[in-house]
C-alpha atoms as a PDB file:
ATOM      1  CA  MET A   1      18.315   1.112  29.713  1.00  0.00           C
ATOM      2  CA  ASN A   2      20.153   2.377  26.650  1.00  0.00           C
ATOM      3  CA  GLU A   3      20.548   1.308  23.029  1.00  0.00           C
ATOM      4  CA  GLN A   4      23.644  -0.789  23.686  1.00  0.00           C
ATOM      5  CA  ASP A   5      21.890  -2.664  26.520  1.00  0.00           C
ATOM      6  CA  LEU A   6      19.109  -3.598  24.107  1.00  0.00           C
ATOM      7  CA  ILE A   7      21.543  -4.718  21.420  1.00  0.00           C
ATOM      8  CA  ASN A   8      23.638  -6.784  23.825  1.00  0.00           C
ATOM      9  CA  ARG A   9      20.650  -8.628  25.219  1.00  0.00           C
ATOM     10  CA  ILE A  10      19.201  -9.422  21.788  1.00  0.00           C
ATOM     11  CA  GLN A  11      22.601 -10.576  20.502  1.00  0.00           C
ATOM     12  CA  GLY A  12      22.788 -12.923  23.469  1.00  0.00           C
ATOM     13  CA  LEU A  13      19.791 -14.768  22.007  1.00  0.00           C
ATOM     14  CA  TYR A  14      20.492 -14.139  18.311  1.00  0.00           C
ATOM     15  CA  PRO A  15      24.285 -13.715  17.927  1.00  0.00           C
ATOM     16  CA  ASP A  16      24.106 -13.427  14.129  1.00  0.00           C
ATOM     17  CA  ALA A  17      21.357 -10.787  14.130  1.00  0.00           C
ATOM     18  CA  GLU A  18      21.643  -7.379  12.526  1.00  0.00           C
ATOM     19  CA  ILE A  19      20.100  -4.974  15.016  1.00  0.00           C
ATOM     20  CA  SER A  20      19.261  -1.297  14.849  1.00  0.00           C
ATOM     21  CA  VAL A  21      17.732   0.709  17.660  1.00  0.00           C
ATOM     22  CA  ALA A  22      15.963   4.062  17.649  1.00  0.00           C
ATOM     23  CA  GLY A  23      14.548   5.973  20.585  1.00  0.00           C
ATOM     24  CA  GLU A  24      15.636   7.115  23.997  1.00  0.00           C
ATOM     25  CA  ASN A  25      14.944   6.931  27.708  1.00  0.00           C
ATOM     26  CA  CYS A  26      12.285   4.253  28.072  1.00  0.00           C
ATOM     27  CA  ASN A  27      10.782   4.218  24.546  1.00  0.00           C
ATOM     28  CA  PHE A  28      12.578   2.266  21.831  1.00  0.00           C
ATOM     29  CA  GLU A  29      12.055   0.657  18.461  1.00  0.00           C
ATOM     30  CA  VAL A  30      14.278  -2.267  17.494  1.00  0.00           C
ATOM     31  CA  ASN A  31      14.755  -3.772  14.061  1.00  0.00           C
ATOM     32  CA  VAL A  32      16.133  -7.291  14.207  1.00  0.00           C
ATOM     33  CA  THR A  33      17.098  -9.269  11.123  1.00  0.00           C
ATOM     34  CA  THR A  34      18.289 -12.849  11.438  1.00  0.00           C
ATOM     35  CA  PRO A  35      17.962 -16.153   9.572  1.00  0.00           C
ATOM     36  CA  ALA A  36      16.867 -17.666  12.906  1.00  0.00           C
ATOM     37  CA  PHE A  37      13.413 -16.219  12.183  1.00  0.00           C
ATOM     38  CA  ASP A  38      12.993 -18.339   9.017  1.00  0.00           C
ATOM     39  CA  ASN A  39      10.539 -20.846  10.507  1.00  0.00           C
ATOM     40  CA  MET A  40       8.879 -18.524  12.998  1.00  0.00           C
ATOM     41  CA  LYS A  41       5.631 -16.606  12.656  1.00  0.00           C
ATOM     42  CA  SER A  42       5.718 -12.853  13.175  1.00  0.00           C
ATOM     43  CA  LEU A  43       4.175 -13.036  16.635  1.00  0.00           C
ATOM     44  CA  GLN A  44       6.666 -15.715  17.742  1.00  0.00           C
ATOM     45  CA  ARG A  45       9.537 -13.513  16.608  1.00  0.00           C
ATOM     46  CA  GLN A  46       8.251 -10.504  18.532  1.00  0.00           C
ATOM     47  CA  ARG A  47       7.572 -12.533  21.662  1.00  0.00           C
ATOM     48  CA  SER A  48      11.072 -13.992  21.615  1.00  0.00           C
ATOM     49  CA  ILE A  49      12.478 -10.453  21.745  1.00  0.00           C
ATOM     50  CA  LEU A  50       9.934  -9.005  24.182  1.00  0.00           C
ATOM     51  CA  THR A  51      10.490 -11.880  26.621  1.00  0.00           C
ATOM     52  CA  LEU A  52      14.092 -10.729  26.982  1.00  0.00           C
ATOM     53  CA  PHE A  53      12.824  -7.472  28.504  1.00  0.00           C
ATOM     54  CA  LYS A  54       9.895  -8.803  30.530  1.00  0.00           C
ATOM     55  CA  GLU A  55      11.198  -7.510  33.877  1.00  0.00           C
ATOM     56  CA  GLU A  56      12.056  -4.053  32.558  1.00  0.00           C
ATOM     57  CA  ILE A  57       8.643  -3.688  30.921  1.00  0.00           C
ATOM     58  CA  ALA A  58       6.858  -4.853  34.091  1.00  0.00           C
ATOM     59  CA  SER A  59       8.826  -2.435  36.290  1.00  0.00           C
ATOM     60  CA  GLY A  60       8.331   0.518  33.933  1.00  0.00           C
ATOM     61  CA  GLU A  61      12.060   0.905  33.327  1.00  0.00           C
ATOM     62  CA  LEU A  62      11.194   0.212  29.698  1.00  0.00           C
ATOM     63  CA  HIS A  63       7.879   1.836  28.863  1.00  0.00           C
ATOM     64  CA  ALA A  64       7.511   0.964  25.178  1.00  0.00           C
ATOM     65  CA  LEU A  65       9.409  -1.415  22.937  1.00  0.00           C
ATOM     66  CA  THR A  66       8.378  -1.761  19.315  1.00  0.00           C
ATOM     67  CA  VAL A  67       9.851  -4.834  17.636  1.00  0.00           C
ATOM     68  CA  ARG A  68      10.260  -5.318  13.905  1.00  0.00           C
ATOM     69  CA  ALA A  69      11.626  -8.813  13.344  1.00  0.00           C
ATOM     70  CA  LYS A  70      12.434 -10.010   9.834  1.00  0.00           C
ATOM     71  CA  THR A  71      14.460 -12.594   7.985  1.00  0.00           C
ATOM     72  CA  PRO A  72      17.176 -11.473   5.557  1.00  0.00           C
ATOM     73  CA  ASP A  73      14.973 -12.625   2.646  1.00  0.00           C
ATOM     74  CA  GLU A  74      12.121 -10.389   3.833  1.00  0.00           C
ATOM     75  CA  ILE A  75      14.421  -7.368   3.830  1.00  0.00           C
ATOM     76  CA  GLN A  76      15.413  -7.815   0.187  1.00  0.00           C
END
């Protein structure tokens, strides 16, 4: 899995999201900013992203994925 794979999958769920990825191999950190998070609690936001990679995490293809999920208002 590479950075672009992560971005593509997240954009499939949140097409308007601003996404940045750091890391390599099987350890990544993603920052996702979208207005879709407005009415979601922090844990709900993270779960929505982590669920996209459930199989890769279970298989070990993706060892660690840190998710920072914010609304545009929280960034400002």
